[in-house]
Amino acid sequence: MQKAKELPLQREMKIRKIGRAVGFESAAYFTRCFKKMTQLSPQEFRDGKRVAAEALE
């Protein structure tokens, strides 16, 4: 899941491709597992990280 947490920061990569890159066949199952581990969906995680990065600039 650590790799999955890094990949959502890449805006050009779709969530389903991130799931496949870390070994999930189903985007829905990847999203479910990601949310269980982080309490955020991959999209929420991506949006939150982007906001935090912009605040540091």
PDB file of N, CA and C in Angstrom:
ATOM      1  N   MET A   1       0.817  -1.203   0.000  1.00  0.00           N
ATOM      2  CA  MET A   1       0.000   0.000   0.000  1.00  0.00           C
ATOM      3  C   MET A   1       0.860   1.267   0.000  1.00  0.00           C
ATOM      4  N   GLN A   2       2.092   1.171   0.468  1.00  0.00           N
ATOM      5  CA  GLN A   2       2.955   2.361   0.458  1.00  0.00           C
ATOM      6  C   GLN A   2       3.138   2.872  -0.974  1.00  0.00           C
ATOM      7  N   LYS A   3       3.392   1.968  -1.904  1.00  0.00           N
ATOM      8  CA  LYS A   3       3.545   2.360  -3.301  1.00  0.00           C
ATOM      9  C   LYS A   3       2.251   2.976  -3.812  1.00  0.00           C
ATOM     10  N   ALA A   4       1.127   2.412  -3.413  1.00  0.00           N
ATOM     11  CA  ALA A   4      -0.173   2.949  -3.829  1.00  0.00           C
ATOM     12  C   ALA A   4      -0.393   4.351  -3.279  1.00  0.00           C
ATOM     13  N   LYS A   5       0.170   4.661  -2.125  1.00  0.00           N
ATOM     14  CA  LYS A   5       0.032   6.004  -1.552  1.00  0.00           C
ATOM     15  C   LYS A   5       0.876   7.019  -2.318  1.00  0.00           C
ATOM     16  N   GLU A   6       1.972   6.568  -2.917  1.00  0.00           N
ATOM     17  CA  GLU A   6       2.829   7.475  -3.683  1.00  0.00           C
ATOM     18  C   GLU A   6       2.259   7.747  -5.071  1.00  0.00           C
ATOM     19  N   LEU A   7       1.708   6.736  -5.702  1.00  0.00           N
ATOM     20  CA  LEU A   7       1.225   6.878  -7.074  1.00  0.00           C
ATOM     21  C   LEU A   7       0.065   7.845  -7.248  1.00  0.00           C
ATOM     22  N   PRO A   8      -0.903   7.960  -6.296  1.00  0.00           N
ATOM     23  CA  PRO A   8      -1.996   8.908  -6.529  1.00  0.00           C
ATOM     24  C   PRO A   8      -1.536  10.354  -6.677  1.00  0.00           C
ATOM     25  N   LEU A   9      -0.334  10.659  -6.255  1.00  0.00           N
ATOM     26  CA  LEU A   9       0.156  12.026  -6.409  1.00  0.00           C
ATOM     27  C   LEU A   9       0.431  12.350  -7.878  1.00  0.00           C
ATOM     28  N   GLN A  10       0.571  11.328  -8.701  1.00  0.00           N
ATOM     29  CA  GLN A  10       0.791  11.524 -10.128  1.00  0.00           C
ATOM     30  C   GLN A  10      -0.566  11.731 -10.797  1.00  0.00           C
ATOM     31  N   ARG A  11      -0.934  12.961 -11.035  1.00  0.00           N
ATOM     32  CA  ARG A  11      -2.269  13.317 -11.532  1.00  0.00           C
ATOM     33  C   ARG A  11      -2.574  12.678 -12.880  1.00  0.00           C
ATOM     34  N   GLU A  12      -1.561  12.427 -13.693  1.00  0.00           N
ATOM     35  CA  GLU A  12      -1.811  11.882 -15.026  1.00  0.00           C
ATOM     36  C   GLU A  12      -2.145  10.393 -14.998  1.00  0.00           C
ATOM     37  N   MET A  13      -1.935   9.735 -13.877  1.00  0.00           N
ATOM     38  CA  MET A  13      -2.201   8.301 -13.768  1.00  0.00           C
ATOM     39  C   MET A  13      -3.592   8.062 -13.183  1.00  0.00           C
ATOM     40  N   LYS A  14      -4.430   7.328 -13.908  1.00  0.00           N
ATOM     41  CA  LYS A  14      -5.785   7.049 -13.445  1.00  0.00           C
ATOM     42  C   LYS A  14      -5.749   6.086 -12.263  1.00  0.00           C
ATOM     43  N   ILE A  15      -6.756   6.199 -11.398  1.00  0.00           N
ATOM     44  CA  ILE A  15      -6.837   5.373 -10.188  1.00  0.00           C
ATOM     45  C   ILE A  15      -6.819   3.887 -10.553  1.00  0.00           C
ATOM     46  N   ARG A  16      -7.537   3.499 -11.603  1.00  0.00           N
ATOM     47  CA  ARG A  16      -7.565   2.076 -11.968  1.00  0.00           C
ATOM     48  C   ARG A  16      -6.187   1.587 -12.401  1.00  0.00           C
ATOM     49  N   LYS A  17      -5.396   2.450 -13.038  1.00  0.00           N
ATOM     50  CA  LYS A  17      -4.043   2.058 -13.443  1.00  0.00           C
ATOM     51  C   LYS A  17      -3.129   1.940 -12.223  1.00  0.00           C
ATOM     52  N   ILE A  18      -3.353   2.782 -11.238  1.00  0.00           N
ATOM     53  CA  ILE A  18      -2.580   2.681  -9.992  1.00  0.00           C
ATOM     54  C   ILE A  18      -2.881   1.343  -9.331  1.00  0.00           C
ATOM     55  N   GLY A  19      -4.163   0.983  -9.276  1.00  0.00           N
ATOM     56  CA  GLY A  19      -4.554  -0.304  -8.698  1.00  0.00           C
ATOM     57  C   GLY A  19      -3.876  -1.460  -9.401  1.00  0.00           C
ATOM     58  N   ARG A  20      -3.874  -1.442 -10.706  1.00  0.00           N
ATOM     59  CA  ARG A  20      -3.217  -2.516 -11.470  1.00  0.00           C
ATOM     60  C   ARG A  20      -1.705  -2.509 -11.238  1.00  0.00           C
ATOM     61  N   ALA A  21      -1.123  -1.341 -11.120  1.00  0.00           N
ATOM     62  CA  ALA A  21       0.328  -1.242 -10.913  1.00  0.00           C
ATOM     63  C   ALA A  21       0.769  -1.860  -9.593  1.00  0.00           C
ATOM     64  N   VAL A  22      -0.124  -1.878  -8.633  1.00  0.00           N
ATOM     65  CA  VAL A  22       0.227  -2.455  -7.329  1.00  0.00           C
ATOM     66  C   VAL A  22      -0.405  -3.833  -7.118  1.00  0.00           C
ATOM     67  N   GLY A  23      -0.956  -4.411  -8.202  1.00  0.00           N
ATOM     68  CA  GLY A  23      -1.379  -5.799  -8.150  1.00  0.00           C
ATOM     69  C   GLY A  23      -2.856  -6.091  -8.004  1.00  0.00           C
ATOM     70  N   PHE A  24      -3.722  -5.103  -8.128  1.00  0.00           N
ATOM     71  CA  PHE A  24      -5.162  -5.321  -8.019  1.00  0.00           C
ATOM     72  C   PHE A  24      -5.774  -5.436  -9.413  1.00  0.00           C
ATOM     73  N   GLU A  25      -6.580  -6.454  -9.624  1.00  0.00           N
ATOM     74  CA  GLU A  25      -7.278  -6.624 -10.901  1.00  0.00           C
ATOM     75  C   GLU A  25      -8.482  -5.704 -10.997  1.00  0.00           C
ATOM     76  N   SER A  26      -9.125  -5.451  -9.868  1.00  0.00           N
ATOM     77  CA  SER A  26     -10.354  -4.669  -9.830  1.00  0.00           C
ATOM     78  C   SER A  26     -10.095  -3.293  -9.212  1.00  0.00           C
ATOM     79  N   ALA A  27     -10.502  -2.244  -9.935  1.00  0.00           N
ATOM     80  CA  ALA A  27     -10.358  -0.884  -9.407  1.00  0.00           C
ATOM     81  C   ALA A  27     -11.226  -0.699  -8.161  1.00  0.00           C
ATOM     82  N   ALA A  28     -12.401  -1.310  -8.159  1.00  0.00           N
ATOM     83  CA  ALA A  28     -13.306  -1.181  -7.007  1.00  0.00           C
ATOM     84  C   ALA A  28     -12.687  -1.826  -5.761  1.00  0.00           C
ATOM     85  N   TYR A  29     -12.080  -2.987  -5.931  1.00  0.00           N
ATOM     86  CA  TYR A  29     -11.464  -3.667  -4.795  1.00  0.00           C
ATOM     87  C   TYR A  29     -10.235  -2.890  -4.310  1.00  0.00           C
ATOM     88  N   PHE A  30      -9.460  -2.346  -5.232  1.00  0.00           N
ATOM     89  CA  PHE A  30      -8.316  -1.507  -4.853  1.00  0.00           C
ATOM     90  C   PHE A  30      -8.788  -0.311  -4.030  1.00  0.00           C
ATOM     91  N   THR A  31      -9.837   0.349  -4.495  1.00  0.00           N
ATOM     92  CA  THR A  31     -10.367   1.518  -3.786  1.00  0.00           C
ATOM     93  C   THR A  31     -10.832   1.134  -2.388  1.00  0.00           C
ATOM     94  N   ARG A  32     -11.527  -0.006  -2.288  1.00  0.00           N
ATOM     95  CA  ARG A  32     -12.013  -0.489  -0.992  1.00  0.00           C
ATOM     96  C   ARG A  32     -10.849  -0.748  -0.033  1.00  0.00           C
ATOM     97  N   CYS A  33      -9.821  -1.433  -0.515  1.00  0.00           N
ATOM     98  CA  CYS A  33      -8.654  -1.740   0.330  1.00  0.00           C
ATOM     99  C   CYS A  33      -7.889  -0.475   0.707  1.00  0.00           C
ATOM    100  N   PHE A  34      -7.724   0.424  -0.248  1.00  0.00           N
ATOM    101  CA  PHE A  34      -7.016   1.674   0.005  1.00  0.00           C
ATOM    102  C   PHE A  34      -7.742   2.473   1.082  1.00  0.00           C
ATOM    103  N   LYS A  35      -9.063   2.552   0.959  1.00  0.00           N
ATOM    104  CA  LYS A  35      -9.860   3.310   1.925  1.00  0.00           C
ATOM    105  C   LYS A  35      -9.802   2.670   3.304  1.00  0.00           C
ATOM    106  N   LYS A  36      -9.792   1.349   3.350  1.00  0.00           N
ATOM    107  CA  LYS A  36      -9.704   0.648   4.634  1.00  0.00           C
ATOM    108  C   LYS A  36      -8.376   0.968   5.330  1.00  0.00           C
ATOM    109  N   MET A  37      -7.297   1.093   4.563  1.00  0.00           N
ATOM    110  CA  MET A  37      -5.975   1.351   5.133  1.00  0.00           C
ATOM    111  C   MET A  37      -5.746   2.828   5.490  1.00  0.00           C
ATOM    112  N   THR A  38      -6.347   3.741   4.722  1.00  0.00           N
ATOM    113  CA  THR A  38      -6.041   5.164   4.890  1.00  0.00           C
ATOM    114  C   THR A  38      -7.220   6.010   5.374  1.00  0.00           C
ATOM    115  N   GLN A  39      -8.423   5.427   5.404  1.00  0.00           N
ATOM    116  CA  GLN A  39      -9.662   6.141   5.709  1.00  0.00           C
ATOM    117  C   GLN A  39     -10.013   7.184   4.647  1.00  0.00           C
ATOM    118  N   LEU A  40      -9.346   7.126   3.500  1.00  0.00           N
ATOM    119  CA  LEU A  40      -9.628   8.017   2.373  1.00  0.00           C
ATOM    120  C   LEU A  40      -9.652   7.197   1.096  1.00  0.00           C
ATOM    121  N   SER A  41     -10.495   7.589   0.155  1.00  0.00           N
ATOM    122  CA  SER A  41     -10.444   6.951  -1.157  1.00  0.00           C
ATOM    123  C   SER A  41      -9.163   7.429  -1.843  1.00  0.00           C
ATOM    124  N   PRO A  42      -8.707   6.730  -2.883  1.00  0.00           N
ATOM    125  CA  PRO A  42      -7.515   7.210  -3.586  1.00  0.00           C
ATOM    126  C   PRO A  42      -7.678   8.648  -4.105  1.00  0.00           C
ATOM    127  N   GLN A  43      -8.881   8.980  -4.585  1.00  0.00           N
ATOM    128  CA  GLN A  43      -9.112  10.343  -5.080  1.00  0.00           C
ATOM    129  C   GLN A  43      -9.069  11.359  -3.943  1.00  0.00           C
ATOM    130  N   GLU A  44      -9.674  11.046  -2.819  1.00  0.00           N
ATOM    131  CA  GLU A  44      -9.628  11.952  -1.663  1.00  0.00           C
ATOM    132  C   GLU A  44      -8.189  12.120  -1.190  1.00  0.00           C
ATOM    133  N   PHE A  45      -7.443  11.026  -1.179  1.00  0.00           N
ATOM    134  CA  PHE A  45      -6.039  11.066  -0.776  1.00  0.00           C
ATOM    135  C   PHE A  45      -5.252  11.960  -1.727  1.00  0.00           C
ATOM    136  N   ARG A  46      -5.474  11.773  -3.026  1.00  0.00           N
ATOM    137  CA  ARG A  46      -4.786  12.576  -4.043  1.00  0.00           C
ATOM    138  C   ARG A  46      -5.116  14.058  -3.859  1.00  0.00           C
ATOM    139  N   ASP A  47      -6.383  14.372  -3.706  1.00  0.00           N
ATOM    140  CA  ASP A  47      -6.800  15.774  -3.553  1.00  0.00           C
ATOM    141  C   ASP A  47      -6.235  16.392  -2.279  1.00  0.00           C
ATOM    142  N   GLY A  48      -6.250  15.648  -1.182  1.00  0.00           N
ATOM    143  CA  GLY A  48      -5.717  16.141   0.077  1.00  0.00           C
ATOM    144  C   GLY A  48      -4.229  16.357   0.037  1.00  0.00           C
ATOM    145  N   LYS A  49      -3.505  15.452  -0.576  1.00  0.00           N
ATOM    146  CA  LYS A  49      -2.055  15.601  -0.706  1.00  0.00           C
ATOM    147  C   LYS A  49      -1.709  16.806  -1.559  1.00  0.00           C
ATOM    148  N   ARG A  50      -2.484  17.008  -2.623  1.00  0.00           N
ATOM    149  CA  ARG A  50      -2.222  18.145  -3.521  1.00  0.00           C
ATOM    150  C   ARG A  50      -2.432  19.450  -2.772  1.00  0.00           C
ATOM    151  N   VAL A  51      -3.499  19.525  -1.987  1.00  0.00           N
ATOM    152  CA  VAL A  51      -3.796  20.735  -1.213  1.00  0.00           C
ATOM    153  C   VAL A  51      -2.682  20.993  -0.210  1.00  0.00           C
ATOM    154  N   ALA A  52      -2.219  19.929   0.470  1.00  0.00           N
ATOM    155  CA  ALA A  52      -1.139  20.072   1.457  1.00  0.00           C
ATOM    156  C   ALA A  52       0.154  20.529   0.783  1.00  0.00           C
ATOM    157  N   ALA A  53       0.457  19.999  -0.394  1.00  0.00           N
ATOM    158  CA  ALA A  53       1.674  20.386  -1.127  1.00  0.00           C
ATOM    159  C   ALA A  53       1.603  21.851  -1.548  1.00  0.00           C
ATOM    160  N   GLU A  54       0.429  22.281  -1.999  1.00  0.00           N
ATOM    161  CA  GLU A  54       0.265  23.678  -2.410  1.00  0.00           C
ATOM    162  C   GLU A  54       0.400  24.622  -1.226  1.00  0.00           C
ATOM    163  N   ALA A  55      -0.013  24.217  -0.055  1.00  0.00           N
ATOM    164  CA  ALA A  55       0.076  25.057   1.138  1.00  0.00           C
ATOM    165  C   ALA A  55       1.535  25.294   1.539  1.00  0.00           C
ATOM    166  N   LEU A  56       2.403  24.336   1.213  1.00  0.00           N
ATOM    167  CA  LEU A  56       3.817  24.468   1.570  1.00  0.00           C
ATOM    168  C   LEU A  56       4.572  25.412   0.635  1.00  0.00           C
ATOM    169  N   GLU A  57       4.003  25.670  -0.534  1.00  0.00           N
ATOM    170  CA  GLU A  57       4.696  26.527  -1.513  1.00  0.00           C
ATOM    171  C   GLU A  57       4.599  27.990  -1.162  1.00  0.00           C
TER     172      GLU A  57
END
